[in-house]
Amino acid sequence: MSERKAYTGKDIVVSFDAQLCQHSGTCVRGLPEVFDVNRRPWILPDAAAADDVAATVARCPSGALRATRSDAA
């Protein structure tokens, strides 16, 4: 069974399901200040603008990443 882990930022929540991840690296290459597999936690949603985080998450080919806006955008 898949299990999502949530990373909560001020304006956006990013969730990740490791079992769905295809390790394409799209997130890490797209926004390395937010997504860094060598850091814990590896996702820091507040390290970039919520719009940029949402756009990077939308490019995740596997659907392992999801974003939910918590601001008015």
Foldseek 3Di string as FASTA:
>chain_A
DWDWDWDDDPWKIKIFTVVQAPPPCLLCVQCVQAADPVDVVRGHCPSDDVVSNQVSQVPRPRNRMDMDTPDPD
